[in-house]
Amino acid sequence: MLSLILRPNNMLEEAYDLLLEMGGAEVIDAPISDTDGFTLLHESVAYAIKGQVGLTLSKGPDLYPLSFGYFFTPQKETPTSLAMYSSWAFTDWLDGLIAIKVDLEEFIEQELERTYVVHAGWNKQTLLDLFALDYAPDLVLRGVYVCSDCTRRFSTIRVQPSWRHLLEQIKQEV
């Protein structure tokens, strides 16, 4: 097991790139920390480092791993559910899926089938609506995200209230 917790800075981005070069899906699907079990795919989604999600996905990892990341969330998450906390994480996740030519309808069916607990309240149509949404994420300045709700700057995933409100409207089919 790799014992590395990634943080978005140059040295760790280089370490991340090295891990991706070391192997394919078997490296990406392995837990990267003894403490939370997140995979490289979870970490790339959580930090939404531009291009890392697509690079990680290009290695062919499991798209539906369910892991708990105490540093990020209060429950087990798939990369999709983790990406749904903020507009920039979701946009990077969706861009990565599109880049590797994932059939989104089939992907959503598998996501719901394999991780129904995580997506309580979501159904195939509402997730299709979300994945088809044309939404411009918040501003990104040199890897630091500026929240449109509170104007705070941060580099990891955070709950973005306006985005979560929009997701609730989609989920409720309002």
N, C-alpha and C. Protein backbone atom coordinates (compact mmCIF):
# COMPACT_ATOMS: atom_id res chain seq x y z
N MET A 1 0.85 -1.18 0.00
CA MET A 1 0.00 0.00 0.00
C MET A 1 0.89 1.24 0.00
N LEU A 2 0.54 2.18 -0.81
CA LEU A 2 1.28 3.43 -0.86
C LEU A 2 0.85 4.29 0.31
N SER A 3 1.80 4.87 1.00
CA SER A 3 1.46 5.72 2.13
C SER A 3 1.79 7.16 1.77
N LEU A 4 0.89 7.79 1.05
CA LEU A 4 1.11 9.14 0.57
C LEU A 4 -0.23 9.86 0.55
N ILE A 5 -0.27 11.00 1.15
CA ILE A 5 -1.47 11.83 1.05
C ILE A 5 -1.10 13.02 0.18
N LEU A 6 -1.79 13.17 -0.91
CA LEU A 6 -1.45 14.21 -1.88
C LEU A 6 -1.95 15.57 -1.46
N ARG A 7 -1.15 16.56 -1.69
CA ARG A 7 -1.54 17.94 -1.47
C ARG A 7 -1.11 18.70 -2.72
N PRO A 8 -1.90 19.68 -3.15
CA PRO A 8 -1.62 20.35 -4.41
C PRO A 8 -0.46 21.34 -4.32
N ASN A 9 0.74 20.84 -4.43
CA ASN A 9 1.90 21.71 -4.59
C ASN A 9 2.82 21.03 -5.58
N ASN A 10 3.81 21.73 -6.06
CA ASN A 10 4.63 21.22 -7.15
C ASN A 10 5.28 19.88 -6.84
N MET A 11 5.88 19.73 -5.65
CA MET A 11 6.57 18.49 -5.33
C MET A 11 5.61 17.31 -5.32
N LEU A 12 4.44 17.49 -4.74
CA LEU A 12 3.50 16.38 -4.68
C LEU A 12 2.82 16.14 -6.02
N GLU A 13 2.65 17.19 -6.81
CA GLU A 13 2.13 16.96 -8.15
C GLU A 13 3.11 16.11 -8.96
N GLU A 14 4.40 16.35 -8.77
CA GLU A 14 5.41 15.53 -9.44
C GLU A 14 5.36 14.10 -8.93
N ALA A 15 5.17 13.91 -7.63
CA ALA A 15 5.05 12.56 -7.07
C ALA A 15 3.82 11.87 -7.64
N TYR A 16 2.73 12.60 -7.77
CA TYR A 16 1.50 12.08 -8.34
C TYR A 16 1.74 11.62 -9.78
N ASP A 17 2.39 12.46 -10.56
CA ASP A 17 2.71 12.12 -11.94
C ASP A 17 3.58 10.87 -12.01
N LEU A 18 4.53 10.76 -11.10
CA LEU A 18 5.41 9.59 -11.06
C LEU A 18 4.61 8.33 -10.77
N LEU A 19 3.68 8.40 -9.82
CA LEU A 19 2.83 7.25 -9.51
C LEU A 19 2.03 6.83 -10.73
N LEU A 20 1.51 7.80 -11.47
CA LEU A 20 0.75 7.47 -12.67
C LEU A 20 1.62 6.83 -13.73
N GLU A 21 2.87 7.26 -13.82
CA GLU A 21 3.80 6.68 -14.79
C GLU A 21 4.21 5.27 -14.40
N MET A 22 4.16 4.95 -13.09
CA MET A 22 4.59 3.64 -12.60
C MET A 22 3.70 2.51 -13.09
N GLY A 23 2.45 2.80 -13.31
CA GLY A 23 1.57 1.72 -13.70
C GLY A 23 0.22 2.21 -14.13
N GLY A 24 -0.60 1.27 -14.42
CA GLY A 24 -1.94 1.57 -14.88
C GLY A 24 -2.94 1.55 -13.75
N ALA A 25 -4.06 0.92 -14.02
CA ALA A 25 -5.17 0.92 -13.09
C ALA A 25 -4.84 0.33 -11.73
N GLU A 26 -3.95 -0.67 -11.68
CA GLU A 26 -3.64 -1.30 -10.40
C GLU A 26 -3.00 -0.32 -9.42
N VAL A 27 -2.25 0.63 -9.92
CA VAL A 27 -1.65 1.65 -9.06
C VAL A 27 -2.73 2.66 -8.65
N ILE A 28 -3.55 3.05 -9.57
CA ILE A 28 -4.57 4.06 -9.29
C ILE A 28 -5.65 3.52 -8.37
N ASP A 29 -6.00 2.24 -8.50
CA ASP A 29 -7.06 1.66 -7.69
C ASP A 29 -6.60 1.32 -6.28
N ALA A 30 -5.31 1.30 -6.01
CA ALA A 30 -4.80 0.97 -4.67
C ALA A 30 -5.03 2.15 -3.73
N PRO A 31 -5.40 1.85 -2.47
CA PRO A 31 -5.51 2.95 -1.50
C PRO A 31 -4.16 3.64 -1.35
N ILE A 32 -4.16 4.94 -1.23
CA ILE A 32 -2.89 5.66 -1.15
C ILE A 32 -2.53 6.07 0.26
N SER A 33 -3.37 5.75 1.22
CA SER A 33 -3.09 6.12 2.60
C SER A 33 -3.68 5.09 3.55
N ASP A 34 -2.99 4.83 4.62
CA ASP A 34 -3.51 3.92 5.64
C ASP A 34 -4.71 4.51 6.36
N THR A 35 -4.84 5.82 6.33
CA THR A 35 -5.84 6.48 7.15
C THR A 35 -7.22 6.59 6.52
N ASP A 36 -7.32 6.63 5.21
CA ASP A 36 -8.65 6.84 4.65
C ASP A 36 -9.01 5.98 3.45
N GLY A 37 -8.07 5.36 2.81
CA GLY A 37 -8.37 4.45 1.72
C GLY A 37 -8.73 5.09 0.40
N PHE A 38 -8.63 6.42 0.29
CA PHE A 38 -8.89 7.06 -0.98
C PHE A 38 -7.90 6.56 -2.02
N THR A 39 -8.36 6.44 -3.25
CA THR A 39 -7.50 6.06 -4.36
C THR A 39 -6.95 7.33 -5.00
N LEU A 40 -6.01 7.16 -5.93
CA LEU A 40 -5.51 8.32 -6.67
C LEU A 40 -6.64 9.03 -7.40
N LEU A 41 -7.61 8.26 -7.86
CA LEU A 41 -8.75 8.87 -8.55
C LEU A 41 -9.54 9.76 -7.59
N HIS A 42 -9.80 9.27 -6.38
CA HIS A 42 -10.48 10.10 -5.38
C HIS A 42 -9.70 11.38 -5.10
N GLU A 43 -8.40 11.24 -4.92
CA GLU A 43 -7.56 12.40 -4.62
C GLU A 43 -7.57 13.41 -5.77
N SER A 44 -7.49 12.92 -7.00
CA SER A 44 -7.48 13.85 -8.12
C SER A 44 -8.80 14.59 -8.24
N VAL A 45 -9.90 13.92 -7.90
CA VAL A 45 -11.20 14.59 -7.91
C VAL A 45 -11.29 15.58 -6.75
N ALA A 46 -10.85 15.17 -5.57
CA ALA A 46 -10.94 16.03 -4.38
C ALA A 46 -10.15 17.32 -4.55
N TYR A 47 -8.98 17.23 -5.16
CA TYR A 47 -8.17 18.43 -5.34
C TYR A 47 -8.44 19.13 -6.65
N ALA A 48 -9.12 18.48 -7.57
CA ALA A 48 -9.50 19.08 -8.85
C ALA A 48 -8.35 19.85 -9.49
N ILE A 49 -7.17 19.25 -9.48
CA ILE A 49 -6.02 19.87 -10.13
C ILE A 49 -6.22 19.72 -11.62
N LYS A 50 -6.27 20.82 -12.31
CA LYS A 50 -6.59 20.82 -13.74
C LYS A 50 -5.76 19.79 -14.50
N GLY A 51 -6.41 18.91 -15.19
CA GLY A 51 -5.75 17.90 -16.00
C GLY A 51 -5.47 16.59 -15.28
N GLN A 52 -5.42 16.60 -13.94
CA GLN A 52 -5.08 15.37 -13.21
C GLN A 52 -6.20 14.34 -13.30
N VAL A 53 -7.45 14.78 -13.25
CA VAL A 53 -8.56 13.84 -13.34
C VAL A 53 -8.51 13.10 -14.68
N GLY A 54 -8.36 13.87 -15.76
CA GLY A 54 -8.29 13.26 -17.09
C GLY A 54 -7.10 12.33 -17.23
N LEU A 55 -5.95 12.74 -16.71
CA LEU A 55 -4.76 11.90 -16.76
C LEU A 55 -4.98 10.61 -15.97
N THR A 56 -5.57 10.73 -14.80
CA THR A 56 -5.85 9.56 -13.98
C THR A 56 -6.82 8.63 -14.69
N LEU A 57 -7.87 9.19 -15.25
CA LEU A 57 -8.87 8.38 -15.95
C LEU A 57 -8.27 7.70 -17.18
N SER A 58 -7.30 8.32 -17.82
CA SER A 58 -6.69 7.74 -19.02
C SER A 58 -5.95 6.44 -18.72
N LYS A 59 -5.65 6.18 -17.44
CA LYS A 59 -4.96 4.96 -17.05
C LYS A 59 -5.90 3.78 -16.85
N GLY A 60 -7.21 4.02 -16.96
CA GLY A 60 -8.17 2.93 -16.90
C GLY A 60 -8.55 2.42 -15.52
N PRO A 61 -8.67 3.28 -14.52
CA PRO A 61 -9.04 2.80 -13.19
C PRO A 61 -10.51 2.44 -13.10
N ASP A 62 -10.87 1.79 -12.01
CA ASP A 62 -12.26 1.54 -11.67
C ASP A 62 -12.92 2.91 -11.50
N LEU A 63 -14.01 3.15 -12.19
CA LEU A 63 -14.68 4.45 -12.11
C LEU A 63 -15.62 4.58 -10.92
N TYR A 64 -15.81 3.49 -10.17
CA TYR A 64 -16.82 3.49 -9.12
C TYR A 64 -16.29 3.08 -7.74
N PRO A 65 -15.02 3.28 -7.43
CA PRO A 65 -14.56 2.83 -6.11
C PRO A 65 -15.26 3.61 -5.00
N LEU A 66 -15.64 2.92 -3.97
CA LEU A 66 -16.32 3.54 -2.84
C LEU A 66 -15.34 3.58 -1.68
N SER A 67 -14.94 4.77 -1.26
CA SER A 67 -13.94 4.92 -0.20
C SER A 67 -14.32 6.07 0.71
N PHE A 68 -13.83 5.97 1.93
CA PHE A 68 -14.05 7.01 2.92
C PHE A 68 -12.80 7.86 3.03
N GLY A 69 -12.95 9.16 3.00
CA GLY A 69 -11.83 10.07 3.15
C GLY A 69 -12.11 11.03 4.28
N TYR A 70 -11.62 10.71 5.47
CA TYR A 70 -11.95 11.51 6.66
C TYR A 70 -11.61 12.99 6.49
N PHE A 71 -10.63 13.29 5.67
CA PHE A 71 -10.20 14.67 5.47
C PHE A 71 -11.20 15.45 4.61
N PHE A 72 -12.01 14.73 3.82
CA PHE A 72 -12.88 15.38 2.85
C PHE A 72 -14.37 15.26 3.14
N THR A 73 -14.83 14.09 3.57
CA THR A 73 -16.27 13.86 3.65
C THR A 73 -16.64 13.05 4.89
N PRO A 74 -17.91 13.09 5.27
CA PRO A 74 -18.37 12.34 6.43
C PRO A 74 -18.83 10.92 6.10
N GLN A 75 -18.74 10.51 4.85
CA GLN A 75 -19.25 9.20 4.45
C GLN A 75 -18.43 8.65 3.30
N LYS A 76 -18.66 7.38 2.97
CA LYS A 76 -17.99 6.79 1.82
C LYS A 76 -18.48 7.48 0.55
N GLU A 77 -17.56 7.67 -0.37
CA GLU A 77 -17.87 8.39 -1.60
C GLU A 77 -17.29 7.67 -2.81
N THR A 78 -17.97 7.80 -3.94
CA THR A 78 -17.39 7.43 -5.22
C THR A 78 -16.78 8.72 -5.77
N PRO A 79 -15.95 8.64 -6.81
CA PRO A 79 -15.46 9.88 -7.41
C PRO A 79 -16.60 10.79 -7.87
N THR A 80 -17.69 10.20 -8.36
CA THR A 80 -18.82 11.02 -8.80
C THR A 80 -19.45 11.75 -7.63
N SER A 81 -19.75 11.05 -6.55
CA SER A 81 -20.40 11.72 -5.41
C SER A 81 -19.47 12.74 -4.78
N LEU A 82 -18.18 12.46 -4.77
CA LEU A 82 -17.19 13.41 -4.25
C LEU A 82 -17.16 14.67 -5.12
N ALA A 83 -17.21 14.48 -6.42
CA ALA A 83 -17.19 15.62 -7.35
C ALA A 83 -18.42 16.50 -7.21
N MET A 84 -19.50 15.95 -6.69
CA MET A 84 -20.75 16.70 -6.61
C MET A 84 -20.77 17.72 -5.48
N TYR A 85 -19.70 17.84 -4.70
CA TYR A 85 -19.64 18.85 -3.64
C TYR A 85 -19.39 20.26 -4.19
N SER A 86 -18.76 20.35 -5.35
CA SER A 86 -18.45 21.69 -5.89
C SER A 86 -18.52 21.70 -7.41
N SER A 87 -18.75 22.87 -7.96
CA SER A 87 -18.89 22.99 -9.41
C SER A 87 -17.59 22.70 -10.14
N TRP A 88 -16.44 23.13 -9.58
CA TRP A 88 -15.18 22.91 -10.28
C TRP A 88 -14.78 21.44 -10.24
N ALA A 89 -15.02 20.75 -9.13
CA ALA A 89 -14.69 19.32 -9.06
C ALA A 89 -15.57 18.53 -10.03
N PHE A 90 -16.86 18.87 -10.07
CA PHE A 90 -17.76 18.16 -10.97
C PHE A 90 -17.40 18.42 -12.43
N THR A 91 -17.06 19.66 -12.74
CA THR A 91 -16.68 20.00 -14.12
C THR A 91 -15.44 19.23 -14.54
N ASP A 92 -14.42 19.17 -13.67
CA ASP A 92 -13.21 18.40 -13.99
C ASP A 92 -13.53 16.92 -14.16
N TRP A 93 -14.39 16.38 -13.29
CA TRP A 93 -14.78 14.96 -13.37
C TRP A 93 -15.50 14.69 -14.69
N LEU A 94 -16.47 15.53 -15.02
CA LEU A 94 -17.22 15.35 -16.26
C LEU A 94 -16.31 15.49 -17.48
N ASP A 95 -15.44 16.50 -17.48
CA ASP A 95 -14.50 16.67 -18.59
C ASP A 95 -13.62 15.44 -18.76
N GLY A 96 -13.18 14.86 -17.64
CA GLY A 96 -12.35 13.65 -17.71
C GLY A 96 -13.11 12.48 -18.28
N LEU A 97 -14.35 12.30 -17.86
CA LEU A 97 -15.17 11.20 -18.39
C LEU A 97 -15.41 11.37 -19.89
N ILE A 98 -15.66 12.59 -20.31
CA ILE A 98 -15.89 12.87 -21.73
C ILE A 98 -14.60 12.61 -22.52
N ALA A 99 -13.47 13.01 -21.95
CA ALA A 99 -12.18 12.83 -22.63
C ALA A 99 -11.86 11.36 -22.90
N ILE A 100 -12.28 10.48 -21.99
CA ILE A 100 -12.00 9.05 -22.22
C ILE A 100 -13.18 8.36 -22.91
N LYS A 101 -14.11 9.19 -23.38
CA LYS A 101 -15.24 8.71 -24.19
C LYS A 101 -16.15 7.72 -23.46
N VAL A 102 -16.45 8.05 -22.21
CA VAL A 102 -17.37 7.22 -21.43
C VAL A 102 -18.79 7.46 -21.94
N ASP A 103 -19.54 6.38 -22.12
CA ASP A 103 -20.96 6.48 -22.45
C ASP A 103 -21.66 6.90 -21.16
N LEU A 104 -22.08 8.16 -21.08
CA LEU A 104 -22.61 8.70 -19.82
C LEU A 104 -23.87 7.99 -19.34
N GLU A 105 -24.71 7.57 -20.25
CA GLU A 105 -25.92 6.86 -19.83
C GLU A 105 -25.56 5.54 -19.17
N GLU A 106 -24.67 4.80 -19.78
CA GLU A 106 -24.23 3.53 -19.20
C GLU A 106 -23.47 3.77 -17.88
N PHE A 107 -22.64 4.80 -17.85
CA PHE A 107 -21.90 5.15 -16.65
C PHE A 107 -22.85 5.43 -15.49
N ILE A 108 -23.89 6.22 -15.75
CA ILE A 108 -24.86 6.57 -14.71
C ILE A 108 -25.61 5.34 -14.23
N GLU A 109 -25.98 4.46 -15.14
CA GLU A 109 -26.64 3.22 -14.74
C GLU A 109 -25.76 2.42 -13.79
N GLN A 110 -24.48 2.29 -14.14
CA GLN A 110 -23.55 1.56 -13.29
C GLN A 110 -23.34 2.27 -11.95
N GLU A 111 -23.23 3.58 -11.98
CA GLU A 111 -23.04 4.35 -10.75
C GLU A 111 -24.21 4.11 -9.79
N LEU A 112 -25.42 4.16 -10.30
CA LEU A 112 -26.59 3.94 -9.47
C LEU A 112 -26.70 2.50 -9.00
N GLU A 113 -26.35 1.56 -9.86
CA GLU A 113 -26.43 0.15 -9.51
C GLU A 113 -25.40 -0.23 -8.44
N ARG A 114 -24.20 0.29 -8.59
CA ARG A 114 -23.11 -0.12 -7.71
C ARG A 114 -23.04 0.68 -6.41
N THR A 115 -23.60 1.88 -6.39
CA THR A 115 -23.45 2.75 -5.22
C THR A 115 -24.74 3.47 -4.88
N TYR A 116 -25.82 2.75 -4.84
CA TYR A 116 -27.12 3.37 -4.65
C TYR A 116 -27.23 4.17 -3.35
N VAL A 117 -26.54 3.77 -2.30
CA VAL A 117 -26.63 4.47 -1.02
C VAL A 117 -26.08 5.89 -1.14
N VAL A 118 -24.98 6.02 -1.86
CA VAL A 118 -24.34 7.32 -2.00
C VAL A 118 -25.26 8.32 -2.71
N HIS A 119 -26.02 7.84 -3.63
CA HIS A 119 -26.85 8.73 -4.44
C HIS A 119 -28.32 8.70 -4.03
N ALA A 120 -28.58 8.54 -2.76
CA ALA A 120 -29.96 8.50 -2.29
C ALA A 120 -30.72 9.72 -2.82
N GLY A 121 -31.82 9.44 -3.47
CA GLY A 121 -32.62 10.52 -4.01
C GLY A 121 -32.37 10.80 -5.48
N TRP A 122 -31.25 10.35 -6.02
CA TRP A 122 -30.96 10.54 -7.44
C TRP A 122 -31.53 9.36 -8.23
N ASN A 123 -31.96 9.62 -9.44
CA ASN A 123 -32.38 8.55 -10.34
C ASN A 123 -31.67 8.76 -11.67
N LYS A 124 -31.88 7.85 -12.57
CA LYS A 124 -31.17 7.92 -13.85
C LYS A 124 -31.44 9.24 -14.57
N GLN A 125 -32.69 9.65 -14.64
CA GLN A 125 -33.02 10.86 -15.38
C GLN A 125 -32.42 12.11 -14.74
N THR A 126 -32.49 12.21 -13.41
CA THR A 126 -31.95 13.41 -12.77
C THR A 126 -30.43 13.46 -12.90
N LEU A 127 -29.76 12.31 -12.83
CA LEU A 127 -28.31 12.31 -13.05
C LEU A 127 -27.97 12.64 -14.50
N LEU A 128 -28.76 12.13 -15.44
CA LEU A 128 -28.55 12.51 -16.84
C LEU A 128 -28.71 14.01 -17.02
N ASP A 129 -29.70 14.59 -16.35
CA ASP A 129 -29.90 16.04 -16.42
C ASP A 129 -28.70 16.78 -15.85
N LEU A 130 -28.16 16.29 -14.74
CA LEU A 130 -26.98 16.91 -14.14
C LEU A 130 -25.78 16.83 -15.08
N PHE A 131 -25.54 15.65 -15.65
CA PHE A 131 -24.39 15.48 -16.53
C PHE A 131 -24.54 16.26 -17.84
N ALA A 132 -25.77 16.61 -18.19
CA ALA A 132 -26.00 17.40 -19.41
C ALA A 132 -26.01 18.91 -19.12
N LEU A 133 -25.95 19.28 -17.86
CA LEU A 133 -26.02 20.69 -17.48
C LEU A 133 -24.84 21.48 -18.04
N ASP A 134 -25.14 22.60 -18.63
CA ASP A 134 -24.10 23.50 -19.14
C ASP A 134 -23.87 24.55 -18.06
N TYR A 135 -22.88 24.30 -17.20
CA TYR A 135 -22.65 25.15 -16.03
C TYR A 135 -21.19 25.60 -16.01
N ALA A 136 -20.97 26.88 -15.82
CA ALA A 136 -19.61 27.40 -15.72
C ALA A 136 -19.20 27.39 -14.25
N PRO A 137 -18.15 26.64 -13.90
CA PRO A 137 -17.73 26.57 -12.50
C PRO A 137 -17.17 27.90 -12.02
N ASP A 138 -17.01 27.98 -10.71
CA ASP A 138 -16.43 29.19 -10.12
C ASP A 138 -15.04 29.46 -10.65
N LEU A 139 -14.56 30.64 -10.37
CA LEU A 139 -13.26 31.11 -10.81
C LEU A 139 -12.12 30.30 -10.19
N VAL A 140 -11.11 29.98 -10.99
CA VAL A 140 -9.91 29.29 -10.52
C VAL A 140 -8.72 30.20 -10.78
N LEU A 141 -7.94 30.46 -9.74
CA LEU A 141 -6.75 31.28 -9.87
C LEU A 141 -5.54 30.46 -9.44
N ARG A 142 -4.71 30.04 -10.39
CA ARG A 142 -3.49 29.29 -10.10
C ARG A 142 -3.73 28.12 -9.15
N GLY A 143 -4.73 27.31 -9.41
CA GLY A 143 -4.99 26.13 -8.59
C GLY A 143 -5.72 26.42 -7.30
N VAL A 144 -6.06 27.67 -7.06
CA VAL A 144 -6.82 28.05 -5.87
C VAL A 144 -8.21 28.44 -6.33
N TYR A 145 -9.21 27.89 -5.69
CA TYR A 145 -10.59 28.13 -6.08
C TYR A 145 -11.19 29.24 -5.23
N VAL A 146 -11.97 30.08 -5.87
CA VAL A 146 -12.64 31.18 -5.18
C VAL A 146 -14.13 30.85 -5.18
N CYS A 147 -14.67 30.67 -3.99
CA CYS A 147 -16.08 30.31 -3.86
C CYS A 147 -16.95 31.51 -4.16
N SER A 148 -17.96 31.30 -5.01
CA SER A 148 -18.87 32.38 -5.36
C SER A 148 -19.81 32.72 -4.22
N ASP A 149 -19.94 31.81 -3.25
CA ASP A 149 -20.83 32.06 -2.12
C ASP A 149 -20.17 32.87 -1.01
N CYS A 150 -18.94 32.49 -0.66
CA CYS A 150 -18.29 33.14 0.49
C CYS A 150 -17.02 33.90 0.12
N THR A 151 -16.57 33.81 -1.11
CA THR A 151 -15.36 34.42 -1.65
C THR A 151 -14.07 33.93 -0.99
N ARG A 152 -14.14 32.85 -0.20
CA ARG A 152 -12.93 32.27 0.38
C ARG A 152 -12.15 31.55 -0.70
N ARG A 153 -10.86 31.46 -0.49
CA ARG A 153 -9.98 30.75 -1.41
C ARG A 153 -9.53 29.45 -0.76
N PHE A 154 -9.53 28.38 -1.51
CA PHE A 154 -9.06 27.10 -0.99
C PHE A 154 -8.63 26.22 -2.14
N SER A 155 -7.89 25.16 -1.81
CA SER A 155 -7.33 24.31 -2.87
C SER A 155 -7.88 22.89 -2.84
N THR A 156 -8.72 22.56 -1.89
CA THR A 156 -9.32 21.23 -1.87
C THR A 156 -10.83 21.37 -2.00
N ILE A 157 -11.46 20.23 -2.17
CA ILE A 157 -12.91 20.24 -2.32
C ILE A 157 -13.57 20.78 -1.06
N ARG A 158 -14.58 21.56 -1.24
CA ARG A 158 -15.39 22.10 -0.15
C ARG A 158 -16.83 22.07 -0.62
N VAL A 159 -17.73 22.07 0.33
CA VAL A 159 -19.14 22.14 -0.03
C VAL A 159 -19.42 23.55 -0.53
N GLN A 160 -19.99 23.63 -1.68
CA GLN A 160 -20.30 24.91 -2.31
C GLN A 160 -21.83 25.07 -2.28
N PRO A 161 -22.35 25.89 -1.36
CA PRO A 161 -23.80 25.97 -1.16
C PRO A 161 -24.63 26.26 -2.40
N SER A 162 -24.23 27.22 -3.22
CA SER A 162 -25.05 27.53 -4.39
C SER A 162 -25.11 26.35 -5.36
N TRP A 163 -23.99 25.65 -5.52
CA TRP A 163 -23.93 24.46 -6.38
C TRP A 163 -24.81 23.35 -5.80
N ARG A 164 -24.70 23.12 -4.48
CA ARG A 164 -25.50 22.07 -3.85
C ARG A 164 -26.99 22.40 -3.95
N HIS A 165 -27.34 23.67 -3.87
CA HIS A 165 -28.74 24.07 -4.03
C HIS A 165 -29.22 23.74 -5.45
N LEU A 166 -28.38 24.03 -6.43
CA LEU A 166 -28.71 23.70 -7.81
C LEU A 166 -28.90 22.19 -7.98
N LEU A 167 -28.01 21.41 -7.36
CA LEU A 167 -28.14 19.95 -7.44
C LEU A 167 -29.46 19.48 -6.82
N GLU A 168 -29.85 20.08 -5.71
CA GLU A 168 -31.13 19.70 -5.09
C GLU A 168 -32.29 20.01 -6.02
N GLN A 169 -32.23 21.14 -6.70
CA GLN A 169 -33.30 21.48 -7.65
C GLN A 169 -33.36 20.45 -8.78
N ILE A 170 -32.20 20.03 -9.27
CA ILE A 170 -32.16 19.03 -10.34
C ILE A 170 -32.71 17.70 -9.81
N LYS A 171 -32.24 17.33 -8.62
CA LYS A 171 -32.68 16.06 -8.03
C LYS A 171 -34.18 16.05 -7.77
N GLN A 172 -34.73 17.18 -7.36
CA GLN A 172 -36.17 17.29 -7.08
C GLN A 172 -36.98 17.54 -8.35
N GLU A 173 -36.25 17.69 -9.48
CA GLU A 173 -36.88 17.95 -10.78
C GLU A 173 -37.72 19.22 -10.77
N VAL A 174 -37.18 20.25 -10.12
CA VAL A 174 -37.86 21.55 -10.02
C VAL A 174 -37.60 22.36 -11.28
